[in-house]
PDB file of all heavy atoms in Angstrom:
ATOM      1  N   LEU A   1    -121.684 -50.012-115.921  1.00  0.00           N
ATOM      2  CA  LEU A   1    -121.201 -48.658-116.223  1.00  0.00           C
ATOM      3  C   LEU A   1    -121.583 -48.139-117.607  1.00  0.00           C
ATOM      4  O   LEU A   1    -121.967 -46.986-117.766  1.00  0.00           O
ATOM      5  CB  LEU A   1    -119.633 -48.619-116.036  1.00  0.00           C
ATOM      6  CG  LEU A   1    -118.970 -47.266-115.910  1.00  0.00           C
ATOM      7  CD1 LEU A   1    -119.536 -46.439-114.775  1.00  0.00           C
ATOM      8  CD2 LEU A   1    -117.470 -47.450-115.740  1.00  0.00           C
ATOM      9  N   THR A   2    -121.476 -49.056-118.577  1.00  0.00           N
ATOM     10  CA  THR A   2    -121.919 -48.695-119.942  1.00  0.00           C
ATOM     11  C   THR A   2    -123.355 -49.246-120.078  1.00  0.00           C
ATOM     12  O   THR A   2    -123.571 -50.253-120.724  1.00  0.00           O
ATOM     13  CB  THR A   2    -120.986 -49.414-120.966  1.00  0.00           C
ATOM     14  OG1 THR A   2    -120.910 -50.829-120.680  1.00  0.00           O
ATOM     15  CG2 THR A   2    -119.581 -48.823-120.909  1.00  0.00           C
ATOM     16  N   LEU A   3    -124.255 -48.544-119.520  1.00  0.00           N
ATOM     17  CA  LEU A   3    -125.645 -48.957-119.364  1.00  0.00           C
ATOM     18  C   LEU A   3    -126.296 -49.480-120.629  1.00  0.00           C
ATOM     19  O   LEU A   3    -126.965 -50.489-120.590  1.00  0.00           O
ATOM     20  CB  LEU A   3    -126.464 -47.832-118.750  1.00  0.00           C
ATOM     21  CG  LEU A   3    -127.721 -48.154-118.020  1.00  0.00           C
ATOM     22  CD1 LEU A   3    -127.489 -49.209-116.925  1.00  0.00           C
ATOM     23  CD2 LEU A   3    -128.305 -46.929-117.378  1.00  0.00           C
ATOM     24  N   ARG A   4    -126.140 -48.804-121.761  1.00  0.00           N
ATOM     25  CA  ARG A   4    -126.776 -49.136-122.947  1.00  0.00           C
ATOM     26  C   ARG A   4    -126.145 -50.356-123.656  1.00  0.00           C
ATOM     27  O   ARG A   4    -126.732 -50.967-124.525  1.00  0.00           O
ATOM     28  CB  ARG A   4    -126.826 -47.939-123.941  1.00  0.00           C
ATOM     29  CG  ARG A   4    -127.768 -46.838-123.515  1.00  0.00           C
ATOM     30  CD  ARG A   4    -127.907 -45.718-124.497  1.00  0.00           C
ATOM     31  NE  ARG A   4    -127.375 -45.907-125.810  1.00  0.00           N
ATOM     32  CZ  ARG A   4    -126.410 -45.184-126.338  1.00  0.00           C
ATOM     33  NH1 ARG A   4    -125.935 -44.210-125.681  1.00  0.00           N
ATOM     34  NH2 ARG A   4    -126.011 -45.392-127.545  1.00  0.00           N
ATOM     35  N   HIS A   5    -124.931 -50.658-123.255  1.00  0.00           N
ATOM     36  CA  HIS A   5    -124.160 -51.771-123.870  1.00  0.00           C
ATOM     37  C   HIS A   5    -124.085 -52.871-122.829  1.00  0.00           C
ATOM     38  O   HIS A   5    -123.167 -52.851-121.984  1.00  0.00           O
ATOM     39  CB  HIS A   5    -122.822 -51.341-124.384  1.00  0.00           C
ATOM     40  CG  HIS A   5    -122.890 -50.309-125.454  1.00  0.00           C
ATOM     41  ND1 HIS A   5    -123.007 -50.678-126.786  1.00  0.00           N
ATOM     42  CD2 HIS A   5    -122.955 -48.984-125.404  1.00  0.00           C
ATOM     43  CE1 HIS A   5    -123.115 -49.562-127.533  1.00  0.00           C
ATOM     44  NE2 HIS A   5    -123.085 -48.548-126.742  1.00  0.00           N
ATOM     45  N   TYR A   6    -125.000 -53.796-122.871  1.00  0.00           N
ATOM     46  CA  TYR A   6    -125.081 -54.835-121.882  1.00  0.00           C
ATOM     47  C   TYR A   6    -124.778 -56.202-122.504  1.00  0.00           C
ATOM     48  O   TYR A   6    -124.871 -56.345-123.727  1.00  0.00           O
ATOM     49  CB  TYR A   6    -126.483 -54.841-121.226  1.00  0.00           C
ATOM     50  CG  TYR A   6    -127.599 -55.009-122.239  1.00  0.00           C
ATOM     51  CD1 TYR A   6    -128.058 -56.289-122.581  1.00  0.00           C
ATOM     52  CD2 TYR A   6    -128.153 -53.947-122.852  1.00  0.00           C
ATOM     53  CE1 TYR A   6    -129.078 -56.453-123.563  1.00  0.00           C
ATOM     54  CE2 TYR A   6    -129.176 -54.079-123.810  1.00  0.00           C
ATOM     55  CZ  TYR A   6    -129.589 -55.346-124.114  1.00  0.00           C
ATOM     56  OH  TYR A   6    -130.605 -55.490-125.049  1.00  0.00           O
ATOM     57  N   PRO A   7    -124.432 -57.176-121.699  1.00  0.00           N
ATOM     58  CA  PRO A   7    -124.173 -58.535-122.270  1.00  0.00           C
ATOM     59  C   PRO A   7    -125.447 -59.108-122.822  1.00  0.00           C
ATOM     60  O   PRO A   7    -126.483 -59.253-122.183  1.00  0.00           O
ATOM     61  CB  PRO A   7    -123.739 -59.296-121.004  1.00  0.00           C
ATOM     62  CG  PRO A   7    -123.249 -58.316-120.001  1.00  0.00           C
ATOM     63  CD  PRO A   7    -124.083 -57.124-120.270  1.00  0.00           C
ATOM     64  N   LYS A   8    -125.357 -59.448-124.109  1.00  0.00           N
ATOM     65  CA  LYS A   8    -126.507 -60.040-124.852  1.00  0.00           C
ATOM     66  C   LYS A   8    -126.346 -61.527-125.087  1.00  0.00           C
ATOM     67  O   LYS A   8    -127.195 -62.142-125.668  1.00  0.00           O
ATOM     68  CB  LYS A   8    -126.649 -59.329-126.201  1.00  0.00           C
ATOM     69  CG  LYS A   8    -127.000 -57.855-126.069  1.00  0.00           C
ATOM     70  CD  LYS A   8    -127.062 -57.171-127.385  1.00  0.00           C
ATOM     71  CE  LYS A   8    -127.255 -55.716-127.221  1.00  0.00           C
ATOM     72  NZ  LYS A   8    -127.060 -54.931-128.462  1.00  0.00           N
ATOM     73  N   CYS A   9    -125.223 -62.098-124.632  1.00  0.00           N
ATOM     74  CA  CYS A   9    -124.993 -63.513-124.820  1.00  0.00           C
ATOM     75  C   CYS A   9    -124.304 -64.060-123.595  1.00  0.00           C
ATOM     76  O   CYS A   9    -123.706 -63.272-122.819  1.00  0.00           O
ATOM     77  CB  CYS A   9    -124.178 -63.793-126.084  1.00  0.00           C
ATOM     78  SG  CYS A   9    -122.619 -62.949-126.141  1.00  0.00           S
ATOM     79  N   ARG A  10    -124.292 -65.342-123.435  1.00  0.00           N
ATOM     80  CA  ARG A  10    -123.742 -65.921-122.196  1.00  0.00           C
ATOM     81  C   ARG A  10    -122.199 -65.671-122.182  1.00  0.00           C
ATOM     82  O   ARG A  10    -121.672 -65.485-121.057  1.00  0.00           O
ATOM     83  CB  ARG A  10    -124.046 -67.407-122.074  1.00  0.00           C
ATOM     84  CG  ARG A  10    -123.330 -68.303-123.060  1.00  0.00           C
ATOM     85  CD  ARG A  10    -123.761 -69.759-122.915  1.00  0.00           C
ATOM     86  NE  ARG A  10    -125.124 -69.880-123.354  1.00  0.00           N
ATOM     87  CZ  ARG A  10    -126.054 -70.673-122.789  1.00  0.00           C
ATOM     88  NH1 ARG A  10    -125.776 -71.359-121.732  1.00  0.00           N
ATOM     89  NH2 ARG A  10    -127.298 -70.692-123.245  1.00  0.00           N
ATOM     90  N   GLU A  11    -121.577 -65.642-123.300  1.00  0.00           N
ATOM     91  CA  GLU A  11    -120.081 -65.377-123.337  1.00  0.00           C
ATOM     92  C   GLU A  11    -119.756 -64.005-122.785  1.00  0.00           C
ATOM     93  O   GLU A  11    -118.844 -63.864-121.983  1.00  0.00           O
ATOM     94  CB  GLU A  11    -119.572 -65.499-124.761  1.00  0.00           C
ATOM     95  CG  GLU A  11    -119.671 -66.932-125.372  1.00  0.00           C
ATOM     96  CD  GLU A  11    -121.083 -67.300-125.923  1.00  0.00           C
ATOM     97  OE1 GLU A  11    -121.973 -66.452-125.941  1.00  0.00           O
ATOM     98  OE2 GLU A  11    -121.196 -68.436-126.343  1.00  0.00           O
ATOM     99  N   ALA A  12    -120.593 -63.022-123.154  1.00  0.00           N
ATOM    100  CA  ALA A  12    -120.367 -61.651-122.659  1.00  0.00           C
ATOM    101  C   ALA A  12    -120.659 -61.544-121.183  1.00  0.00           C
ATOM    102  O   ALA A  12    -119.946 -60.852-120.403  1.00  0.00           O
ATOM    103  CB  ALA A  12    -121.259 -60.613-123.452  1.00  0.00           C
ATOM    104  N   ALA A  13    -121.697 -62.240-120.697  1.00  0.00           N
ATOM    105  CA  ALA A  13    -121.999 -62.234-119.300  1.00  0.00           C
ATOM    106  C   ALA A  13    -120.844 -62.870-118.453  1.00  0.00           C
ATOM    107  O   ALA A  13    -120.492 -62.331-117.426  1.00  0.00           O
ATOM    108  CB  ALA A  13    -123.316 -62.971-119.025  1.00  0.00           C
ATOM    109  N   ILE A  14    -120.325 -63.974-119.024  1.00  0.00           N
ATOM    110  CA  ILE A  14    -119.177 -64.624-118.295  1.00  0.00           C
ATOM    111  C   ILE A  14    -118.019 -63.713-118.203  1.00  0.00           C
ATOM    112  O   ILE A  14    -117.425 -63.540-117.091  1.00  0.00           O
ATOM    113  CB  ILE A  14    -118.868 -65.968-118.996  1.00  0.00           C
ATOM    114  CG1 ILE A  14    -119.974 -66.964-118.878  1.00  0.00           C
ATOM    115  CG2 ILE A  14    -117.538 -66.542-118.432  1.00  0.00           C
ATOM    116  CD1 ILE A  14    -119.859 -68.139-119.849  1.00  0.00           C
ATOM    117  N   VAL A  15    -117.589 -63.076-119.250  1.00  0.00           N
ATOM    118  CA  VAL A  15    -116.444 -62.174-119.286  1.00  0.00           C
ATOM    119  C   VAL A  15    -116.731 -60.979-118.396  1.00  0.00           C
ATOM    120  O   VAL A  15    -115.786 -60.533-117.649  1.00  0.00           O
ATOM    121  CB  VAL A  15    -116.042 -61.774-120.715  1.00  0.00           C
ATOM    122  CG1 VAL A  15    -114.962 -60.669-120.696  1.00  0.00           C
ATOM    123  CG2 VAL A  15    -115.533 -62.978-121.476  1.00  0.00           C
ATOM    124  N   CYS A  16    -117.916 -60.454-118.391  1.00  0.00           N
ATOM    125  CA  CYS A  16    -118.245 -59.326-117.552  1.00  0.00           C
ATOM    126  C   CYS A  16    -118.066 -59.665-116.086  1.00  0.00           C
ATOM    127  O   CYS A  16    -117.392 -58.924-115.344  1.00  0.00           O
ATOM    128  CB  CYS A  16    -119.727 -58.913-117.823  1.00  0.00           C
ATOM    129  SG  CYS A  16    -120.245 -57.406-117.019  1.00  0.00           S
ATOM    130  N   VAL A  17    -118.472 -60.830-115.645  1.00  0.00           N
ATOM    131  CA  VAL A  17    -118.289 -61.285-114.282  1.00  0.00           C
ATOM    132  C   VAL A  17    -116.830 -61.562-114.005  1.00  0.00           C
ATOM    133  O   VAL A  17    -116.292 -61.174-112.957  1.00  0.00           O
ATOM    134  CB  VAL A  17    -119.143 -62.564-113.946  1.00  0.00           C
ATOM    135  CG1 VAL A  17    -118.737 -63.226-112.659  1.00  0.00           C
ATOM    136  CG2 VAL A  17    -120.631 -62.222-113.986  1.00  0.00           C
ATOM    137  N   ALA A  18    -116.121 -62.264-114.883  1.00  0.00           N
ATOM    138  CA  ALA A  18    -114.723 -62.632-114.705  1.00  0.00           C
ATOM    139  C   ALA A  18    -113.892 -61.332-114.608  1.00  0.00           C
ATOM    140  O   ALA A  18    -112.970 -61.285-113.835  1.00  0.00           O
ATOM    141  CB  ALA A  18    -114.213 -63.528-115.857  1.00  0.00           C
ATOM    142  N   ASP A  19    -114.165 -60.364-115.468  1.00  0.00           N
ATOM    143  CA  ASP A  19    -113.406 -59.102-115.428  1.00  0.00           C
ATOM    144  C   ASP A  19    -113.532 -58.423-114.107  1.00  0.00           C
ATOM    145  O   ASP A  19    -112.521 -57.952-113.540  1.00  0.00           O
ATOM    146  CB  ASP A  19    -113.945 -58.193-116.544  1.00  0.00           C
ATOM    147  CG  ASP A  19    -113.201 -56.866-116.604  1.00  0.00           C
ATOM    148  OD1 ASP A  19    -111.943 -56.895-116.642  1.00  0.00           O
ATOM    149  OD2 ASP A  19    -113.889 -55.821-116.587  1.00  0.00           O
ATOM    150  N   LYS A  20    -114.699 -58.363-113.498  1.00  0.00           N
ATOM    151  CA  LYS A  20    -114.895 -57.684-112.204  1.00  0.00           C
ATOM    152  C   LYS A  20    -114.161 -58.487-111.089  1.00  0.00           C
ATOM    153  O   LYS A  20    -113.488 -57.899-110.291  1.00  0.00           O
ATOM    154  CB  LYS A  20    -116.380 -57.524-111.966  1.00  0.00           C
ATOM    155  CG  LYS A  20    -116.899 -56.330-112.754  1.00  0.00           C
ATOM    156  CD  LYS A  20    -118.348 -56.429-113.025  1.00  0.00           C
ATOM    157  CE  LYS A  20    -118.762 -55.287-113.970  1.00  0.00           C
ATOM    158  NZ  LYS A  20    -118.121 -55.194-115.264  1.00  0.00           N
ATOM    159  N   CYS A  21    -114.237 -59.788-111.114  1.00  0.00           N
ATOM    160  CA  CYS A  21    -113.585 -60.638-110.097  1.00  0.00           C
ATOM    161  C   CYS A  21    -112.067 -60.447-110.221  1.00  0.00           C
ATOM    162  O   CYS A  21    -111.407 -60.204-109.176  1.00  0.00           O
ATOM    163  CB  CYS A  21    -113.945 -62.095-110.263  1.00  0.00           C
ATOM    164  SG  CYS A  21    -115.666 -62.496-109.909  1.00  0.00           S
ATOM    165  N   CYS A  22    -111.522 -60.532-111.388  1.00  0.00           N
ATOM    166  CA  CYS A  22    -110.078 -60.399-111.603  1.00  0.00           C
ATOM    167  C   CYS A  22    -109.642 -58.988-111.232  1.00  0.00           C
ATOM    168  O   CYS A  22    -108.579 -58.828-110.603  1.00  0.00           O
ATOM    169  CB  CYS A  22    -109.711 -60.705-113.008  1.00  0.00           C
ATOM    170  SG  CYS A  22    -109.882 -62.440-113.480  1.00  0.00           S
ATOM    171  N   SER A  23    -110.382 -57.971-111.563  1.00  0.00           N
ATOM    172  CA  SER A  23    -110.009 -56.586-111.300  1.00  0.00           C
ATOM    173  C   SER A  23    -109.873 -56.382-109.766  1.00  0.00           C
ATOM    174  O   SER A  23    -108.913 -55.790-109.286  1.00  0.00           O
ATOM    175  CB  SER A  23    -111.034 -55.612-111.856  1.00  0.00           C
ATOM    176  OG  SER A  23    -111.040 -55.692-113.286  1.00  0.00           O
ATOM    177  N   VAL A  24    -110.873 -56.851-109.013  1.00  0.00           N
ATOM    178  CA  VAL A  24    -110.793 -56.751-107.567  1.00  0.00           C
ATOM    179  C   VAL A  24    -109.600 -57.519-106.988  1.00  0.00           C
ATOM    180  O   VAL A  24    -108.831 -56.936-106.205  1.00  0.00           O
ATOM    181  CB  VAL A  24    -112.084 -57.314-106.896  1.00  0.00           C
ATOM    182  CG1 VAL A  24    -111.938 -57.398-105.413  1.00  0.00           C
ATOM    183  CG2 VAL A  24    -113.255 -56.358-107.306  1.00  0.00           C
TER     184      VAL A  24
END
């Protein structure tokens, strides 16, 4: 959704995935 602000490290990618799973 925030296209220009993307995960640049593995920690950010993990939280991005976890956030979507938990939200659902």
